[in-house]
Amino acid sequence: MFSAVNLRIGSVFIYKEEPYKVLEFKHTHMGRGSADVRLKIKGILNGNVVQVVFAPGERFEEANLTKKKMQYLYKDGDSLFFMNPETYEQIELNRTELGDEVDFLQDGETYNVANWDEKPISVEVPPKVVVEVTECDPGIKGNSAANMYKSGMVTGNIPVRIPLFIEKGEKIRIDTTDRKYVERAK
């Protein structure tokens, strides 16, 4: 059992009979008022994102998720295909049910697939991934007085904002949760 104050980003718990994942966590305490825990949570089954407020002592059941390492094979329309590297069993997941992080899946890589009641419900994508810049506007000399960004596309046709000094063909590290530039890849 979790108490609301012990929930952290990435925790998965049961709320209204369904598993939810914590996206944002904030514990506040106002002067003489009581404390509260403000969360932004995402329903794993339905994908709905909601903001909720709990008392710190409210208790929640931990979601009983089992994780299996699966190799990502390919994408066909909205279907994503994974294979268990030990048994060679293949599964198909619907891309629309998984969230935007799956845009960063790379063919042949191994990921943890979370199952709830033997049903695959989510894929754990690393928080940061290395991608290649496939197209971007040229940086104009003299436009660097402050942190300036330009539009660009990375592997998988994902639009991102990148610094002016990044050129087409460079590899960069991207945060998969908010799709923001982190740094040049080494």
C-alpha atoms as a PDB file:
ATOM      1  CA  MET A   1       0.000   0.000   0.000  1.00  0.00           C
ATOM      2  CA  PHE A   2       1.151   3.513  -0.859  1.00  0.00           C
ATOM      3  CA  SER A   3       0.222   6.614   1.067  1.00  0.00           C
ATOM      4  CA  ALA A   4      -0.230   9.631  -1.194  1.00  0.00           C
ATOM      5  CA  VAL A   5       2.868  11.343   0.190  1.00  0.00           C
ATOM      6  CA  ASN A   6       5.027   8.327  -0.786  1.00  0.00           C
ATOM      7  CA  LEU A   7       3.991   8.377  -4.448  1.00  0.00           C
ATOM      8  CA  ARG A   8       6.735   9.587  -6.786  1.00  0.00           C
ATOM      9  CA  ILE A   9       7.077  10.236 -10.509  1.00  0.00           C
ATOM     10  CA  GLY A  10       6.835   6.891 -12.285  1.00  0.00           C
ATOM     11  CA  SER A  11       4.924   5.142  -9.465  1.00  0.00           C
ATOM     12  CA  VAL A  12       2.010   3.000 -10.631  1.00  0.00           C
ATOM     13  CA  PHE A  13      -0.978   2.636  -8.305  1.00  0.00           C
ATOM     14  CA  ILE A  14      -4.666   1.670  -8.390  1.00  0.00           C
ATOM     15  CA  TYR A  15      -7.109   4.591  -8.462  1.00  0.00           C
ATOM     16  CA  LYS A  16     -10.808   4.054  -9.229  1.00  0.00           C
ATOM     17  CA  GLU A  17     -10.184   0.362  -9.971  1.00  0.00           C
ATOM     18  CA  GLU A  18      -7.602   1.105 -12.700  1.00  0.00           C
ATOM     19  CA  PRO A  19      -3.811   1.453 -12.810  1.00  0.00           C
ATOM     20  CA  TYR A  20      -2.469   5.008 -13.027  1.00  0.00           C
ATOM     21  CA  LYS A  21       1.089   6.262 -13.468  1.00  0.00           C
ATOM     22  CA  VAL A  22       2.335   9.418 -11.726  1.00  0.00           C
ATOM     23  CA  LEU A  23       3.615  12.008 -14.221  1.00  0.00           C
ATOM     24  CA  GLU A  24       4.043  14.974 -11.851  1.00  0.00           C
ATOM     25  CA  PHE A  25       4.215  15.152  -8.048  1.00  0.00           C
ATOM     26  CA  LYS A  26       3.984  18.163  -5.737  1.00  0.00           C
ATOM     27  CA  HIS A  27       3.611  18.086  -1.952  1.00  0.00           C
ATOM     28  CA  THR A  28       2.378  21.402  -0.563  1.00  0.00           C
ATOM     29  CA  HIS A  29       1.845  22.668   2.963  1.00  0.00           C
ATOM     30  CA  MET A  30       0.301  26.073   3.517  1.00  0.00           C
ATOM     31  CA  GLY A  31       0.853  27.901   6.821  1.00  0.00           C
ATOM     32  CA  ARG A  32      -1.948  26.872   9.153  1.00  0.00           C
ATOM     33  CA  GLY A  33      -3.823  24.903   6.513  1.00  0.00           C
ATOM     34  CA  SER A  34      -3.475  21.214   5.958  1.00  0.00           C
ATOM     35  CA  ALA A  35      -0.981  19.682   3.557  1.00  0.00           C
ATOM     36  CA  ASP A  36      -1.973  18.147   0.260  1.00  0.00           C
ATOM     37  CA  VAL A  37      -0.446  16.113  -2.533  1.00  0.00           C
ATOM     38  CA  ARG A  38      -1.066  17.350  -6.068  1.00  0.00           C
ATOM     39  CA  LEU A  39      -0.552  14.800  -8.816  1.00  0.00           C
ATOM     40  CA  LYS A  40      -0.782  14.656 -12.563  1.00  0.00           C
ATOM     41  CA  ILE A  41      -1.581  11.040 -13.377  1.00  0.00           C
ATOM     42  CA  LYS A  42      -2.125   9.050 -16.549  1.00  0.00           C
ATOM     43  CA  GLY A  43      -4.511   6.107 -16.837  1.00  0.00           C
ATOM     44  CA  ILE A  44      -2.532   3.182 -18.194  1.00  0.00           C
ATOM     45  CA  LEU A  45      -5.565   1.464 -19.723  1.00  0.00           C
ATOM     46  CA  ASN A  46      -7.351   4.494 -21.168  1.00  0.00           C
ATOM     47  CA  GLY A  47      -4.497   6.999 -21.560  1.00  0.00           C
ATOM     48  CA  ASN A  48      -6.445   9.818 -19.878  1.00  0.00           C
ATOM     49  CA  VAL A  49      -4.322  12.399 -18.078  1.00  0.00           C
ATOM     50  CA  VAL A  50      -5.941  14.007 -15.023  1.00  0.00           C
ATOM     51  CA  GLN A  51      -4.861  16.257 -12.176  1.00  0.00           C
ATOM     52  CA  VAL A  52      -5.886  15.144  -8.697  1.00  0.00           C
ATOM     53  CA  VAL A  53      -5.388  16.359  -5.128  1.00  0.00           C
ATOM     54  CA  PHE A  54      -5.099  13.944  -2.195  1.00  0.00           C
ATOM     55  CA  ALA A  55      -4.575  14.255   1.532  1.00  0.00           C
ATOM     56  CA  PRO A  56      -1.074  13.014   2.445  1.00  0.00           C
ATOM     57  CA  GLY A  57      -2.457  10.084   4.443  1.00  0.00           C
ATOM     58  CA  GLU A  58      -4.744   8.680   1.736  1.00  0.00           C
ATOM     59  CA  ARG A  59      -3.727   5.132   0.868  1.00  0.00           C
ATOM     60  CA  PHE A  60      -3.609   3.378  -2.482  1.00  0.00           C
ATOM     61  CA  GLU A  61      -2.984  -0.166  -3.581  1.00  0.00           C
ATOM     62  CA  GLU A  62       0.146  -0.775  -5.626  1.00  0.00           C
ATOM     63  CA  ALA A  63      -0.636  -1.917  -9.173  1.00  0.00           C
ATOM     64  CA  ASN A  64       0.522  -5.501  -9.638  1.00  0.00           C
ATOM     65  CA  LEU A  65       2.420  -5.124 -12.883  1.00  0.00           C
ATOM     66  CA  THR A  66       4.690  -7.785 -14.294  1.00  0.00           C
ATOM     67  CA  LYS A  67       7.423  -6.743 -16.701  1.00  0.00           C
ATOM     68  CA  LYS A  68       8.845  -8.771 -19.551  1.00  0.00           C
ATOM     69  CA  LYS A  69      11.831  -7.870 -21.694  1.00  0.00           C
ATOM     70  CA  MET A  70      10.651  -7.734 -25.289  1.00  0.00           C
ATOM     71  CA  GLN A  71      12.484  -6.850 -28.478  1.00  0.00           C
ATOM     72  CA  TYR A  72      10.828  -4.209 -30.650  1.00  0.00           C
ATOM     73  CA  LEU A  73      10.531  -5.567 -34.187  1.00  0.00           C
ATOM     74  CA  TYR A  74       8.623  -3.114 -36.374  1.00  0.00           C
ATOM     75  CA  LYS A  75       5.627  -0.843 -36.811  1.00  0.00           C
ATOM     76  CA  ASP A  76       2.779  -1.472 -39.252  1.00  0.00           C
ATOM     77  CA  GLY A  77       0.220   1.343 -39.242  1.00  0.00           C
ATOM     78  CA  ASP A  78      -0.964   1.686 -35.631  1.00  0.00           C
ATOM     79  CA  SER A  79       0.328  -1.772 -34.680  1.00  0.00           C
ATOM     80  CA  LEU A  80       3.659  -2.278 -32.916  1.00  0.00           C
ATOM     81  CA  PHE A  81       5.178  -5.752 -32.913  1.00  0.00           C
ATOM     82  CA  PHE A  82       7.374  -7.107 -30.106  1.00  0.00           C
ATOM     83  CA  MET A  83       9.066 -10.476 -29.624  1.00  0.00           C
ATOM     84  CA  ASN A  84      10.084 -12.322 -26.473  1.00  0.00           C
ATOM     85  CA  PRO A  85      13.813 -13.039 -27.102  1.00  0.00           C
ATOM     86  CA  GLU A  86      13.662 -16.310 -25.119  1.00  0.00           C
ATOM     87  CA  THR A  87      10.482 -17.933 -26.440  1.00  0.00           C
ATOM     88  CA  TYR A  88      10.237 -16.042 -29.775  1.00  0.00           C
ATOM     89  CA  GLU A  89       6.568 -15.393 -28.977  1.00  0.00           C
ATOM     90  CA  GLN A  90       5.332 -12.234 -30.730  1.00  0.00           C
ATOM     91  CA  ILE A  91       2.766  -9.765 -29.477  1.00  0.00           C
ATOM     92  CA  GLU A  92       1.007  -6.871 -31.160  1.00  0.00           C
ATOM     93  CA  LEU A  93       0.246  -3.635 -29.299  1.00  0.00           C
ATOM     94  CA  ASN A  94      -1.920  -0.774 -30.486  1.00  0.00           C
ATOM     95  CA  ARG A  95       0.166   2.398 -30.750  1.00  0.00           C
ATOM     96  CA  THR A  96      -2.785   4.663 -29.884  1.00  0.00           C
ATOM     97  CA  GLU A  97      -3.181   3.006 -26.463  1.00  0.00           C
ATOM     98  CA  LEU A  98       0.457   3.448 -25.420  1.00  0.00           C
ATOM     99  CA  GLY A  99       1.182   7.177 -25.505  1.00  0.00           C
ATOM    100  CA  ASP A 100       3.590   9.440 -27.325  1.00  0.00           C
ATOM    101  CA  GLU A 101       6.791   7.968 -25.855  1.00  0.00           C
ATOM    102  CA  VAL A 102       6.579   5.036 -28.284  1.00  0.00           C
ATOM    103  CA  ASP A 103       7.588   7.377 -31.118  1.00  0.00           C
ATOM    104  CA  PHE A 104      11.137   6.899 -29.812  1.00  0.00           C
ATOM    105  CA  LEU A 105      11.177   3.084 -30.126  1.00  0.00           C
ATOM    106  CA  GLN A 106      14.087   1.824 -32.214  1.00  0.00           C
ATOM    107  CA  ASP A 107      14.002  -1.396 -34.240  1.00  0.00           C
ATOM    108  CA  GLY A 108      15.896  -4.274 -32.619  1.00  0.00           C
ATOM    109  CA  GLU A 109      16.157  -2.641 -29.167  1.00  0.00           C
ATOM    110  CA  THR A 110      14.892  -4.406 -26.036  1.00  0.00           C
ATOM    111  CA  TYR A 111      12.288  -2.715 -23.805  1.00  0.00           C
ATOM    112  CA  ASN A 112      10.314  -3.667 -20.703  1.00  0.00           C
ATOM    113  CA  VAL A 113       6.666  -4.330 -21.543  1.00  0.00           C
ATOM    114  CA  ALA A 114       4.408  -3.993 -18.489  1.00  0.00           C
ATOM    115  CA  ASN A 115       1.490  -6.413 -18.142  1.00  0.00           C
ATOM    116  CA  TRP A 116      -1.561  -5.990 -15.926  1.00  0.00           C
ATOM    117  CA  ASP A 117      -3.687  -9.128 -15.511  1.00  0.00           C
ATOM    118  CA  GLU A 118      -1.622 -10.796 -18.274  1.00  0.00           C
ATOM    119  CA  LYS A 119      -2.550  -8.016 -20.727  1.00  0.00           C
ATOM    120  CA  PRO A 120       0.308  -5.890 -22.136  1.00  0.00           C
ATOM    121  CA  ILE A 121      -0.510  -2.284 -21.285  1.00  0.00           C
ATOM    122  CA  SER A 122       2.627  -0.167 -21.601  1.00  0.00           C
ATOM    123  CA  VAL A 123       6.175  -0.018 -22.893  1.00  0.00           C
ATOM    124  CA  GLU A 124       8.915   1.528 -20.750  1.00  0.00           C
ATOM    125  CA  VAL A 125      10.880   3.879 -22.966  1.00  0.00           C
ATOM    126  CA  PRO A 126      14.104   5.278 -21.469  1.00  0.00           C
ATOM    127  CA  PRO A 127      13.746   8.851 -20.171  1.00  0.00           C
ATOM    128  CA  LYS A 128      16.391  10.079 -22.618  1.00  0.00           C
ATOM    129  CA  VAL A 129      17.270   8.709 -26.063  1.00  0.00           C
ATOM    130  CA  VAL A 130      19.830   9.502 -28.738  1.00  0.00           C
ATOM    131  CA  VAL A 131      18.358  10.459 -32.113  1.00  0.00           C
ATOM    132  CA  GLU A 132      19.696  11.930 -35.347  1.00  0.00           C
ATOM    133  CA  VAL A 133      18.601  15.322 -36.658  1.00  0.00           C
ATOM    134  CA  THR A 134      17.091  14.609 -40.085  1.00  0.00           C
ATOM    135  CA  GLU A 135      16.131  18.156 -41.027  1.00  0.00           C
ATOM    136  CA  CYS A 136      16.465  21.628 -39.552  1.00  0.00           C
ATOM    137  CA  ASP A 137      16.598  25.274 -40.533  1.00  0.00           C
ATOM    138  CA  PRO A 138      20.081  26.723 -40.891  1.00  0.00           C
ATOM    139  CA  GLY A 139      21.366  28.719 -37.925  1.00  0.00           C
ATOM    140  CA  ILE A 140      21.952  32.366 -38.780  1.00  0.00           C
ATOM    141  CA  LYS A 141      25.179  33.883 -37.509  1.00  0.00           C
ATOM    142  CA  GLY A 142      24.554  36.552 -34.887  1.00  0.00           C
ATOM    143  CA  ASN A 143      21.308  35.047 -33.582  1.00  0.00           C
ATOM    144  CA  SER A 144      22.922  33.687 -30.452  1.00  0.00           C
ATOM    145  CA  ALA A 145      22.542  36.515 -27.917  1.00  0.00           C
ATOM    146  CA  ALA A 146      20.372  34.269 -25.745  1.00  0.00           C
ATOM    147  CA  ASN A 147      19.250  30.655 -25.737  1.00  0.00           C
ATOM    148  CA  MET A 148      17.739  30.597 -29.191  1.00  0.00           C
ATOM    149  CA  TYR A 149      16.032  27.569 -30.685  1.00  0.00           C
ATOM    150  CA  LYS A 150      14.983  26.565 -34.175  1.00  0.00           C
ATOM    151  CA  SER A 151      12.583  23.952 -35.522  1.00  0.00           C
ATOM    152  CA  GLY A 152      13.925  20.578 -36.479  1.00  0.00           C
ATOM    153  CA  MET A 153      12.975  16.970 -37.152  1.00  0.00           C
ATOM    154  CA  VAL A 154      14.662  13.917 -35.712  1.00  0.00           C
ATOM    155  CA  THR A 155      14.577  10.213 -36.536  1.00  0.00           C
ATOM    156  CA  GLY A 156      10.954   9.041 -36.753  1.00  0.00           C
ATOM    157  CA  ASN A 157       9.695  12.420 -38.098  1.00  0.00           C
ATOM    158  CA  ILE A 158       9.416  13.838 -34.583  1.00  0.00           C
ATOM    159  CA  PRO A 159       9.394  17.653 -34.451  1.00  0.00           C
ATOM    160  CA  VAL A 160      11.652  19.203 -31.780  1.00  0.00           C
ATOM    161  CA  ARG A 161      13.100  22.585 -30.872  1.00  0.00           C
ATOM    162  CA  ILE A 162      16.894  22.507 -31.074  1.00  0.00           C
ATOM    163  CA  PRO A 163      19.625  25.096 -30.451  1.00  0.00           C
ATOM    164  CA  LEU A 164      20.894  27.132 -33.403  1.00  0.00           C
ATOM    165  CA  PHE A 165      24.317  25.431 -33.425  1.00  0.00           C
ATOM    166  CA  ILE A 166      22.910  21.940 -34.137  1.00  0.00           C
ATOM    167  CA  GLU A 167      23.144  20.903 -37.791  1.00  0.00           C
ATOM    168  CA  LYS A 168      21.481  18.225 -39.913  1.00  0.00           C
ATOM    169  CA  GLY A 169      23.034  14.773 -39.385  1.00  0.00           C
ATOM    170  CA  GLU A 170      24.166  15.404 -35.780  1.00  0.00           C
ATOM    171  CA  LYS A 171      23.141  13.064 -32.997  1.00  0.00           C
ATOM    172  CA  ILE A 172      21.421  14.643 -29.988  1.00  0.00           C
ATOM    173  CA  ARG A 173      19.888  13.443 -26.721  1.00  0.00           C
ATOM    174  CA  ILE A 174      16.138  14.117 -26.298  1.00  0.00           C
ATOM    175  CA  ASP A 175      13.949  13.867 -23.178  1.00  0.00           C
ATOM    176  CA  THR A 176      11.159  11.436 -24.168  1.00  0.00           C
ATOM    177  CA  THR A 177       8.564  12.818 -21.747  1.00  0.00           C
ATOM    178  CA  ASP A 178       8.537  16.435 -22.914  1.00  0.00           C
ATOM    179  CA  ARG A 179      10.406  16.040 -26.249  1.00  0.00           C
ATOM    180  CA  LYS A 180      12.964  18.687 -25.368  1.00  0.00           C
ATOM    181  CA  TYR A 181      16.595  18.897 -26.394  1.00  0.00           C
ATOM    182  CA  VAL A 182      19.004  17.840 -23.622  1.00  0.00           C
ATOM    183  CA  GLU A 183      22.493  17.812 -25.139  1.00  0.00           C
ATOM    184  CA  ARG A 184      24.661  16.702 -28.025  1.00  0.00           C
ATOM    185  CA  ALA A 185      25.302  12.976 -28.015  1.00  0.00           C
ATOM    186  CA  LYS A 186      28.897  11.970 -27.514  1.00  0.00           C
END
